[in-house]
């Protein structure tokens, strides 16, 4: 018995997958989106903890952060929830005329909102309510968040660089979703998710929903004295870490890049290769 779907078998499965998502109730999209945001937030918190402390080789540090971050997509895919970055592949169902543009945008809007609410809620809960973050872990959260909204990138526009980092990210994330859907056993789904997610984090790419946790976590950590002291971040940079900069210095560019990486480079391309000829007959 074959334990995976070949690409030509996977493509129509993805069309049905996208069509099913288009028909869900708004309340269900919000709730499942909230769960996915929280699941990605758990993984982001885990990556923050693992990324704290001295590493002799920064690449190894990023590898370990990517390895644990893969838990987030495992929680999204296997128990089931709605993650906007994966749902960008609904472009396949749109091109196959199984859903309308309005249905796709409706799904994206409510899932994106749910992801935002779940991520920010978890950041508030962990940073402000658990007592875990007023120290070295909170300092790491501040360093990660501040870097995402203030880093000057030599020879490149900040938002343009983050846009292309986001393209690479969701290209890999959606390939992880493809591998998970293709695999017919839990072990195969876990392995299919692990490697692309580990790769995007280790490579330094940008994920919109992860940033919905990382940046608010840093904003909340600004209220923790030991975290601020331990971060050794200049006060002028800390003032640039706020709810406004989260959007104009990160999330807008990253969201657009994630759409291109998943919706175009995976969804549209796979439809053109595996389904367009069938439709033209």
Protein backbone atom coordinates (compact mmCIF):
# COMPACT_ATOMS: atom_id res chain seq x y z
CA UNK A 1 0.00 0.00 0.00
CA UNK A 2 1.42 3.37 -1.08
CA UNK A 3 1.84 5.74 1.89
CA UNK A 4 2.01 9.02 -0.03
CA UNK A 5 0.30 10.85 -2.90
CA UNK A 6 2.28 11.52 -6.07
CA UNK A 7 2.18 15.14 -7.34
CA UNK A 8 -0.44 14.39 -10.01
CA UNK A 9 -2.63 12.85 -7.29
CA UNK A 10 -1.89 15.60 -4.79
CA UNK A 11 -2.97 18.48 -7.05
CA UNK A 12 -6.70 17.60 -7.22
CA UNK A 13 -6.61 16.80 -3.49
CA UNK A 14 -5.39 20.36 -2.86
CA UNK A 15 -8.21 21.77 -4.97
CA UNK A 16 -10.76 19.90 -2.83
CA UNK A 17 -8.87 20.99 0.30
CA UNK A 18 -9.21 24.64 -0.73
CA UNK A 19 -12.87 24.26 -1.71
CA UNK A 20 -13.72 22.78 1.70
CA UNK A 21 -12.09 25.72 3.44
CA UNK A 22 -14.16 28.20 1.44
CA UNK A 23 -17.41 26.78 2.81
CA UNK A 24 -16.66 26.97 6.54
CA UNK A 25 -18.72 29.18 8.83
CA UNK A 26 -17.19 32.52 9.82
CA UNK A 27 -17.26 31.57 13.51
CA UNK A 28 -15.40 28.35 12.75
CA UNK A 29 -12.79 30.23 10.68
CA UNK A 30 -12.24 32.66 13.55
CA UNK A 31 -11.97 29.95 16.19
CA UNK A 32 -9.73 27.69 14.12
CA UNK A 33 -7.69 30.72 13.09
CA UNK A 34 -7.30 31.68 16.76
CA UNK A 35 -6.05 28.17 17.54
CA UNK A 36 -3.53 28.23 14.69
CA UNK A 37 -2.23 31.62 15.82
CA UNK A 38 -1.78 30.24 19.33
CA UNK A 39 -0.09 27.06 18.03
CA UNK A 40 2.41 29.11 16.02
CA UNK A 41 2.85 31.29 19.11
CA UNK A 42 3.74 28.26 21.23
CA UNK A 43 6.38 27.33 18.67
CA UNK A 44 7.69 30.91 18.57
CA UNK A 45 7.97 30.98 22.36
CA UNK A 46 9.82 27.67 22.27
CA UNK A 47 12.20 29.10 19.65
CA UNK A 48 12.75 32.15 21.87
CA UNK A 49 13.72 29.94 24.81
CA UNK A 50 16.02 27.75 22.69
CA UNK A 51 17.60 30.85 21.13
CA UNK A 52 18.55 32.27 24.54
CA UNK A 53 22.15 32.00 25.69
CA UNK A 54 25.58 31.83 24.09
CA UNK A 55 26.17 29.68 21.03
CA UNK A 56 29.61 29.29 19.52
CA UNK A 57 28.14 28.91 16.04
CA UNK A 58 25.20 31.13 15.17
CA UNK A 59 24.08 28.81 12.36
CA UNK A 60 23.68 26.00 14.87
CA UNK A 61 21.60 28.27 17.10
CA UNK A 62 19.29 29.08 14.18
CA UNK A 63 19.06 25.39 13.31
CA UNK A 64 17.85 24.49 16.80
CA UNK A 65 15.35 27.36 16.73
CA UNK A 66 14.03 26.08 13.40
CA UNK A 67 13.90 22.51 14.64
CA UNK A 68 11.63 23.37 17.58
CA UNK A 69 9.59 25.88 15.56
CA UNK A 70 8.39 23.04 13.32
CA UNK A 71 6.18 21.94 16.23
CA UNK A 72 3.86 24.83 15.37
CA UNK A 73 2.87 23.57 11.92
CA UNK A 74 2.58 20.02 13.25
CA UNK A 75 -0.02 21.29 15.72
CA UNK A 76 -1.81 23.22 12.95
CA UNK A 77 -1.95 20.38 10.41
CA UNK A 78 -2.45 17.21 12.43
CA UNK A 79 -5.10 18.22 15.03
CA UNK A 80 -6.53 20.66 12.48
CA UNK A 81 -6.87 24.45 12.44
CA UNK A 82 -6.75 27.34 9.97
CA UNK A 83 -3.44 29.04 9.17
CA UNK A 84 -3.51 31.94 6.70
CA UNK A 85 -0.07 31.26 5.23
CA UNK A 86 -1.06 27.72 4.23
CA UNK A 87 -4.44 28.91 3.01
CA UNK A 88 -2.75 31.08 0.38
CA UNK A 89 -2.73 27.86 -1.70
CA UNK A 90 -6.49 28.22 -2.10
CA UNK A 91 -5.48 29.91 -5.36
CA UNK A 92 -5.51 26.38 -6.81
CA UNK A 93 -9.23 25.98 -6.07
CA UNK A 94 -9.87 29.48 -7.46
CA UNK A 95 -8.07 28.74 -10.74
CA UNK A 96 -9.90 25.40 -10.97
CA UNK A 97 -13.19 27.33 -10.63
CA UNK A 98 -14.25 25.43 -7.52
CA UNK A 99 -14.48 28.63 -5.46
CA UNK A 100 -14.97 32.31 -6.21
CA UNK A 101 -12.61 35.19 -5.47
CA UNK A 102 -15.05 36.46 -2.82
CA UNK A 103 -15.05 33.07 -1.08
CA UNK A 104 -11.26 32.97 -1.04
CA UNK A 105 -10.91 36.53 0.30
CA UNK A 106 -13.61 35.82 2.91
CA UNK A 107 -11.60 32.85 4.18
CA UNK A 108 -8.34 34.78 4.20
CA UNK A 109 -9.80 37.76 6.07
CA UNK A 110 -11.35 35.81 8.93
CA UNK A 111 -8.46 33.33 9.24
CA UNK A 112 -5.87 36.14 9.22
CA UNK A 113 -7.86 37.96 11.92
CA UNK A 114 -8.15 34.77 13.97
CA UNK A 115 -4.42 34.11 13.62
CA UNK A 116 -3.69 37.65 14.81
CA UNK A 117 -5.96 37.34 17.84
CA UNK A 118 -4.56 33.95 18.83
CA UNK A 119 -0.93 35.04 18.44
CA UNK A 120 -1.32 38.30 20.37
CA UNK A 121 -3.34 36.60 23.11
CA UNK A 122 -0.65 33.98 23.62
CA UNK A 123 2.10 36.63 23.62
CA UNK A 124 0.21 38.59 26.30
CA UNK A 125 -0.43 35.45 28.36
CA UNK A 126 3.15 34.17 28.29
CA UNK A 127 4.98 37.49 28.63
CA UNK A 128 2.68 39.38 30.98
CA UNK A 129 1.01 36.68 33.06
CA UNK A 130 3.29 33.68 33.56
CA UNK A 131 6.35 35.28 35.16
CA UNK A 132 8.59 33.35 32.79
CA UNK A 133 9.86 36.30 30.78
CA UNK A 134 11.17 38.94 33.22
CA UNK A 135 14.76 37.93 32.72
CA UNK A 136 16.91 36.37 30.02
CA UNK A 137 14.01 34.97 28.00
CA UNK A 138 12.25 38.33 27.97
CA UNK A 139 15.52 39.93 26.89
CA UNK A 140 15.68 37.52 23.94
CA UNK A 141 12.05 38.33 23.07
CA UNK A 142 12.94 42.03 23.04
CA UNK A 143 15.99 41.45 20.85
CA UNK A 144 14.02 39.38 18.33
CA UNK A 145 11.12 41.85 18.14
CA UNK A 146 13.26 44.97 17.94
CA UNK A 147 15.37 43.49 15.16
CA UNK A 148 12.24 42.75 13.13
CA UNK A 149 11.13 46.41 13.06
CA UNK A 150 14.39 48.40 13.29
CA UNK A 151 17.16 46.50 11.51
CA UNK A 152 18.88 48.53 8.80
CA UNK A 153 19.82 46.24 5.91
CA UNK A 154 22.91 47.36 4.01
CA UNK A 155 22.27 48.10 0.36
CA UNK A 156 18.58 47.25 0.54
CA UNK A 157 15.24 48.74 1.50
CA UNK A 158 14.07 47.22 4.80
CA UNK A 159 10.54 46.41 3.63
CA UNK A 160 11.68 45.09 0.25
CA UNK A 161 14.19 42.78 1.93
CA UNK A 162 11.50 41.53 4.31
CA UNK A 163 9.14 41.03 1.37
CA UNK A 164 11.60 38.68 -0.33
CA UNK A 165 12.41 36.92 2.93
CA UNK A 166 8.68 36.31 3.26
CA UNK A 167 8.46 34.92 -0.28
CA UNK A 168 11.11 32.32 0.59
CA UNK A 169 9.41 31.55 3.88
CA UNK A 170 5.95 30.73 2.63
CA UNK A 171 7.30 28.91 -0.41
CA UNK A 172 8.83 26.47 2.09
CA UNK A 173 5.86 26.54 4.49
CA UNK A 174 3.43 25.61 1.71
CA UNK A 175 5.76 22.85 0.53
CA UNK A 176 5.64 21.55 4.11
CA UNK A 177 1.84 21.59 3.91
CA UNK A 178 2.02 19.70 0.60
CA UNK A 179 4.27 17.06 2.11
CA UNK A 180 1.98 16.70 5.13
CA UNK A 181 -1.13 16.31 2.97
CA UNK A 182 0.69 13.88 0.68
CA UNK A 183 1.79 11.65 3.57
CA UNK A 184 -0.80 9.09 4.63
CA UNK A 185 0.71 8.32 8.06
CA UNK A 186 1.34 10.55 11.09
CA UNK A 187 5.07 9.82 11.04
CA UNK A 188 5.28 10.88 7.41
CA UNK A 189 3.37 14.09 8.13
CA UNK A 190 5.74 14.96 10.98
CA UNK A 191 8.85 14.39 8.85
CA UNK A 192 7.30 16.25 5.91
CA UNK A 193 6.65 19.27 8.10
CA UNK A 194 9.94 19.23 10.01
CA UNK A 195 12.48 19.76 7.24
CA UNK A 196 10.97 22.70 5.29
CA UNK A 197 10.03 24.54 8.51
CA UNK A 198 13.46 23.99 9.99
CA UNK A 199 14.90 25.26 6.70
CA UNK A 200 12.93 28.52 6.59
CA UNK A 201 13.77 29.48 10.18
CA UNK A 202 17.43 28.53 9.85
CA UNK A 203 17.63 30.50 6.59
CA UNK A 204 16.31 33.64 8.32
CA UNK A 205 13.07 34.00 6.36
CA UNK A 206 9.97 35.84 7.62
CA UNK A 207 6.57 34.37 8.53
CA UNK A 208 3.66 36.77 9.10
CA UNK A 209 1.86 34.69 11.72
CA UNK A 210 5.05 33.94 13.67
CA UNK A 211 5.75 37.68 13.69
CA UNK A 212 2.27 38.24 15.12
CA UNK A 213 3.69 36.52 18.21
CA UNK A 214 7.33 37.65 18.15
CA UNK A 215 6.66 41.39 17.84
CA UNK A 216 3.82 41.65 20.39
CA UNK A 217 5.91 39.51 22.77
CA UNK A 218 8.62 42.15 22.53
CA UNK A 219 6.12 44.97 23.00
CA UNK A 220 4.76 43.33 26.17
CA UNK A 221 8.31 42.60 27.38
CA UNK A 222 9.08 46.34 27.34
CA UNK A 223 7.14 46.45 30.63
CA UNK A 224 9.51 43.96 32.32
CA UNK A 225 12.50 45.72 33.97
CA UNK A 226 14.86 42.74 34.06
CA UNK A 227 14.10 41.88 30.43
CA UNK A 228 14.80 45.45 29.31
CA UNK A 229 18.03 45.61 31.31
CA UNK A 230 19.20 42.24 30.04
CA UNK A 231 18.48 43.04 26.40
CA UNK A 232 21.00 45.92 26.36
CA UNK A 233 18.95 47.57 23.61
CA UNK A 234 19.30 51.35 23.23
CA UNK A 235 16.24 53.22 24.50
CA UNK A 236 15.73 54.98 21.16
CA UNK A 237 15.44 51.62 19.41
CA UNK A 238 12.97 50.39 22.01
CA UNK A 239 10.70 53.35 21.29
CA UNK A 240 10.55 52.20 17.66
CA UNK A 241 9.13 48.85 18.79
CA UNK A 242 5.37 49.51 18.93
CA UNK A 243 2.04 48.45 17.44
CA UNK A 244 2.39 50.86 14.52
CA UNK A 245 5.90 49.72 13.51
CA UNK A 246 4.73 46.09 13.73
CA UNK A 247 2.62 46.82 10.65
CA UNK A 248 4.50 49.41 8.61
CA UNK A 249 7.98 47.98 9.26
CA UNK A 250 7.15 44.29 9.09
CA UNK A 251 3.71 42.70 8.75
CA UNK A 252 2.47 44.48 5.62
CA UNK A 253 5.57 43.58 3.59
CA UNK A 254 5.79 40.09 5.09
CA UNK A 255 2.11 39.34 4.46
CA UNK A 256 2.45 40.34 0.80
CA UNK A 257 5.60 38.25 0.41
CA UNK A 258 3.98 35.24 2.08
CA UNK A 259 1.09 35.49 -0.38
CA UNK A 260 3.47 35.43 -3.36
CA UNK A 261 5.52 32.55 -1.94
CA UNK A 262 2.53 30.32 -1.22
CA UNK A 263 -0.29 31.55 -3.43
CA UNK A 264 1.76 32.04 -6.60
CA UNK A 265 4.98 30.00 -6.44
CA UNK A 266 3.21 26.94 -5.04
CA UNK A 267 -0.54 27.22 -5.67
CA UNK A 268 -0.57 28.78 -9.14
CA UNK A 269 2.48 26.90 -10.42
CA UNK A 270 1.22 23.49 -9.30
CA UNK A 271 -2.19 24.20 -10.86
CA UNK A 272 -0.55 25.19 -14.16
CA UNK A 273 1.61 22.07 -14.23
CA UNK A 274 -0.81 19.40 -13.03
CA UNK A 275 -4.36 20.66 -13.66
CA UNK A 276 -4.47 23.23 -16.46
CA UNK A 277 -4.19 20.65 -19.27
CA UNK A 278 -7.07 18.67 -17.80
CA UNK A 279 -9.24 21.79 -17.76
CA UNK A 280 -8.42 22.63 -21.39
CA UNK A 281 -9.57 19.30 -22.78
